[in-house]
Amino acid sequence: MATRVREKAAQRKANADKRPRATAKYIRISPRKVKIVVDLIRGKQVDQALAILAYTPKSAAPEVEKLLNSAIANAENNLEMDRSSLYVAEVYANQGPTLKRYWARSHGRADMIKKRTSHITIVLDQK
């Protein structure tokens, strides 16, 4: 059934994205709230993005700042890129699994509370 498995794997590896990236999964903030912060740094230089995140009063800002520092470290250590030429090429927040909890109400009823999680990804590139 599977033909040319090694050749296909080699071709996939050759076409893989070589840009530095970092991913944070299962962050306990809803993606809707994270996207507000993420939109602020898209396309910015990394030092400018870190300055924006340091002074953004949103709950997602420290998580995104930590992830951006990780992506910068990946670029410097793994791919030997220069920090001054890096910028945020792609950044997005996808929805993770939702934790469902119940809240007791009157007359024996229950309301559902949805505790949403996020998967945040940052991809850097050189100018």
C-alpha atoms as a PDB file:
ATOM      1  CA  MET A   1       0.000   0.000   0.000  1.00  0.00           C
ATOM      2  CA  ALA A   2       2.649   2.553   1.016  1.00  0.00           C
ATOM      3  CA  THR A   3       5.003   3.211  -1.862  1.00  0.00           C
ATOM      4  CA  ARG A   4       8.224   5.246  -1.846  1.00  0.00           C
ATOM      5  CA  VAL A   5       7.934   5.935   1.874  1.00  0.00           C
ATOM      6  CA  ARG A   6      11.589   6.949   2.282  1.00  0.00           C
ATOM      7  CA  GLU A   7      11.548   9.208  -0.771  1.00  0.00           C
ATOM      8  CA  LYS A   8       8.375  10.943   0.361  1.00  0.00           C
ATOM      9  CA  ALA A   9       9.785  11.432   3.875  1.00  0.00           C
ATOM     10  CA  ALA A  10      12.981  12.915   2.451  1.00  0.00           C
ATOM     11  CA  GLN A  11      10.991  15.264   0.213  1.00  0.00           C
ATOM     12  CA  ARG A  12       8.834  16.400   3.159  1.00  0.00           C
ATOM     13  CA  LYS A  13      11.966  17.062   5.214  1.00  0.00           C
ATOM     14  CA  ALA A  14      13.551  19.066   2.361  1.00  0.00           C
ATOM     15  CA  ASN A  15      10.416  21.212   1.982  1.00  0.00           C
ATOM     16  CA  ALA A  16      10.020  21.799   5.734  1.00  0.00           C
ATOM     17  CA  ASP A  17       9.935  25.372   6.958  1.00  0.00           C
ATOM     18  CA  LYS A  18      13.427  26.388   8.078  1.00  0.00           C
ATOM     19  CA  ARG A  19      12.346  29.478   9.988  1.00  0.00           C
ATOM     20  CA  PRO A  20      12.761  29.543  13.804  1.00  0.00           C
ATOM     21  CA  ARG A  21       9.559  28.928  15.723  1.00  0.00           C
ATOM     22  CA  ALA A  22       8.207  28.357  19.205  1.00  0.00           C
ATOM     23  CA  THR A  23       4.874  26.894  20.308  1.00  0.00           C
ATOM     24  CA  ALA A  24       3.074  27.026  23.643  1.00  0.00           C
ATOM     25  CA  LYS A  25       0.214  24.580  24.037  1.00  0.00           C
ATOM     26  CA  TYR A  26      -2.657  24.302  26.500  1.00  0.00           C
ATOM     27  CA  ILE A  27      -2.328  27.897  27.782  1.00  0.00           C
ATOM     28  CA  ARG A  28      -5.273  28.590  30.104  1.00  0.00           C
ATOM     29  CA  ILE A  29      -6.389  31.803  28.401  1.00  0.00           C
ATOM     30  CA  SER A  30      -9.083  31.891  25.740  1.00  0.00           C
ATOM     31  CA  PRO A  31      -7.825  32.391  22.165  1.00  0.00           C
ATOM     32  CA  ARG A  32     -10.047  35.437  21.778  1.00  0.00           C
ATOM     33  CA  LYS A  33      -8.097  37.218  24.524  1.00  0.00           C
ATOM     34  CA  VAL A  34      -4.727  36.034  23.228  1.00  0.00           C
ATOM     35  CA  LYS A  35      -5.444  37.263  19.683  1.00  0.00           C
ATOM     36  CA  ILE A  36      -5.758  40.846  20.956  1.00  0.00           C
ATOM     37  CA  VAL A  37      -2.158  40.718  22.225  1.00  0.00           C
ATOM     38  CA  VAL A  38      -0.832  38.718  19.274  1.00  0.00           C
ATOM     39  CA  ASP A  39      -2.145  41.263  16.759  1.00  0.00           C
ATOM     40  CA  LEU A  40      -0.010  43.971  18.410  1.00  0.00           C
ATOM     41  CA  ILE A  41       3.337  42.313  17.584  1.00  0.00           C
ATOM     42  CA  ARG A  42       2.733  40.793  14.140  1.00  0.00           C
ATOM     43  CA  GLY A  43       5.338  42.076  11.651  1.00  0.00           C
ATOM     44  CA  LYS A  44       7.411  43.977  14.254  1.00  0.00           C
ATOM     45  CA  GLN A  45      11.148  43.676  14.987  1.00  0.00           C
ATOM     46  CA  VAL A  46      11.748  41.341  17.958  1.00  0.00           C
ATOM     47  CA  ASP A  47      13.125  44.059  20.273  1.00  0.00           C
ATOM     48  CA  GLN A  48      10.195  46.335  19.458  1.00  0.00           C
ATOM     49  CA  ALA A  49       7.759  43.435  20.024  1.00  0.00           C
ATOM     50  CA  LEU A  50       9.301  42.690  23.432  1.00  0.00           C
ATOM     51  CA  ALA A  51       8.956  46.362  24.409  1.00  0.00           C
ATOM     52  CA  ILE A  52       5.283  46.354  23.369  1.00  0.00           C
ATOM     53  CA  LEU A  53       4.588  43.175  25.355  1.00  0.00           C
ATOM     54  CA  ALA A  54       6.360  44.494  28.467  1.00  0.00           C
ATOM     55  CA  TYR A  55       3.907  47.409  28.691  1.00  0.00           C
ATOM     56  CA  THR A  56       0.711  45.689  27.562  1.00  0.00           C
ATOM     57  CA  PRO A  57      -1.701  45.285  30.524  1.00  0.00           C
ATOM     58  CA  LYS A  58      -3.350  42.065  29.314  1.00  0.00           C
ATOM     59  CA  SER A  59      -3.201  38.646  30.972  1.00  0.00           C
ATOM     60  CA  ALA A  60      -1.842  37.027  27.802  1.00  0.00           C
ATOM     61  CA  ALA A  61       1.097  39.445  27.442  1.00  0.00           C
ATOM     62  CA  PRO A  62       3.518  37.611  29.808  1.00  0.00           C
ATOM     63  CA  GLU A  63       2.782  34.271  28.128  1.00  0.00           C
ATOM     64  CA  VAL A  64       3.389  35.679  24.636  1.00  0.00           C
ATOM     65  CA  GLU A  65       6.543  37.472  25.854  1.00  0.00           C
ATOM     66  CA  LYS A  66       7.909  34.226  27.276  1.00  0.00           C
ATOM     67  CA  LEU A  67       7.144  32.443  23.999  1.00  0.00           C
ATOM     68  CA  LEU A  68       8.800  35.194  21.929  1.00  0.00           C
ATOM     69  CA  ASN A  69      11.954  34.905  24.049  1.00  0.00           C
ATOM     70  CA  SER A  70      11.940  31.169  23.389  1.00  0.00           C
ATOM     71  CA  ALA A  71      11.643  31.708  19.627  1.00  0.00           C
ATOM     72  CA  ILE A  72      14.535  34.205  19.732  1.00  0.00           C
ATOM     73  CA  ALA A  73      16.675  31.698  21.647  1.00  0.00           C
ATOM     74  CA  ASN A  74      15.826  29.012  19.082  1.00  0.00           C
ATOM     75  CA  ALA A  75      16.931  31.331  16.270  1.00  0.00           C
ATOM     76  CA  GLU A  76      20.205  32.269  17.949  1.00  0.00           C
ATOM     77  CA  ASN A  77      21.246  28.867  19.280  1.00  0.00           C
ATOM     78  CA  ASN A  78      19.872  26.370  16.759  1.00  0.00           C
ATOM     79  CA  LEU A  79      20.031  28.312  13.482  1.00  0.00           C
ATOM     80  CA  GLU A  80      22.860  30.816  14.279  1.00  0.00           C
ATOM     81  CA  MET A  81      20.766  33.835  13.261  1.00  0.00           C
ATOM     82  CA  ASP A  82      21.518  37.413  14.282  1.00  0.00           C
ATOM     83  CA  ARG A  83      19.025  38.833  16.775  1.00  0.00           C
ATOM     84  CA  SER A  84      19.085  42.349  15.300  1.00  0.00           C
ATOM     85  CA  SER A  85      17.764  41.131  11.931  1.00  0.00           C
ATOM     86  CA  LEU A  86      14.852  39.070  13.306  1.00  0.00           C
ATOM     87  CA  TYR A  87      11.200  40.047  13.019  1.00  0.00           C
ATOM     88  CA  VAL A  88       7.887  38.347  13.855  1.00  0.00           C
ATOM     89  CA  ALA A  89       6.835  36.806  10.532  1.00  0.00           C
ATOM     90  CA  GLU A  90       3.824  34.817  11.750  1.00  0.00           C
ATOM     91  CA  VAL A  91       2.025  34.643  15.061  1.00  0.00           C
ATOM     92  CA  TYR A  92      -1.312  33.013  15.718  1.00  0.00           C
ATOM     93  CA  ALA A  93      -3.426  31.603  18.544  1.00  0.00           C
ATOM     94  CA  ASN A  94      -5.538  28.533  17.868  1.00  0.00           C
ATOM     95  CA  GLN A  95      -8.140  27.014  20.146  1.00  0.00           C
ATOM     96  CA  GLY A  96      -7.090  24.107  22.324  1.00  0.00           C
ATOM     97  CA  PRO A  97      -9.300  21.694  24.231  1.00  0.00           C
ATOM     98  CA  THR A  98     -12.055  23.207  26.362  1.00  0.00           C
ATOM     99  CA  LEU A  99     -12.421  22.184  30.001  1.00  0.00           C
ATOM    100  CA  LYS A 100     -16.109  21.800  30.853  1.00  0.00           C
ATOM    101  CA  ARG A 101     -17.190  22.539  34.407  1.00  0.00           C
ATOM    102  CA  TYR A 102     -20.650  22.711  35.978  1.00  0.00           C
ATOM    103  CA  TRP A 103     -22.036  25.449  38.191  1.00  0.00           C
ATOM    104  CA  ALA A 104     -24.904  24.596  40.500  1.00  0.00           C
ATOM    105  CA  ARG A 105     -28.014  26.742  40.069  1.00  0.00           C
ATOM    106  CA  SER A 106     -31.340  26.870  41.861  1.00  0.00           C
ATOM    107  CA  HIS A 107     -34.026  24.175  41.565  1.00  0.00           C
ATOM    108  CA  GLY A 108     -31.478  21.444  40.910  1.00  0.00           C
ATOM    109  CA  ARG A 109     -30.281  22.875  37.628  1.00  0.00           C
ATOM    110  CA  ALA A 110     -26.704  23.326  36.406  1.00  0.00           C
ATOM    111  CA  ASP A 111     -24.994  25.755  34.068  1.00  0.00           C
ATOM    112  CA  MET A 112     -21.925  24.825  32.085  1.00  0.00           C
ATOM    113  CA  ILE A 113     -18.741  26.849  32.395  1.00  0.00           C
ATOM    114  CA  LYS A 114     -16.335  26.497  29.477  1.00  0.00           C
ATOM    115  CA  LYS A 115     -12.709  27.069  30.420  1.00  0.00           C
ATOM    116  CA  ARG A 116     -10.993  27.569  27.088  1.00  0.00           C
ATOM    117  CA  THR A 117      -7.327  26.897  26.273  1.00  0.00           C
ATOM    118  CA  SER A 118      -5.034  28.179  23.533  1.00  0.00           C
ATOM    119  CA  HIS A 119      -2.168  26.944  21.378  1.00  0.00           C
ATOM    120  CA  ILE A 120       0.073  29.919  20.542  1.00  0.00           C
ATOM    121  CA  THR A 121       2.707  29.775  17.763  1.00  0.00           C
ATOM    122  CA  ILE A 122       5.355  32.343  16.853  1.00  0.00           C
ATOM    123  CA  VAL A 123       7.451  32.097  13.652  1.00  0.00           C
ATOM    124  CA  LEU A 124      10.384  34.461  13.180  1.00  0.00           C
ATOM    125  CA  ASP A 125      12.286  35.387  10.024  1.00  0.00           C
ATOM    126  CA  GLN A 126      15.244  37.532   8.978  1.00  0.00           C
ATOM    127  CA  LYS A 127      14.900  40.884   7.221  1.00  0.00           C
END
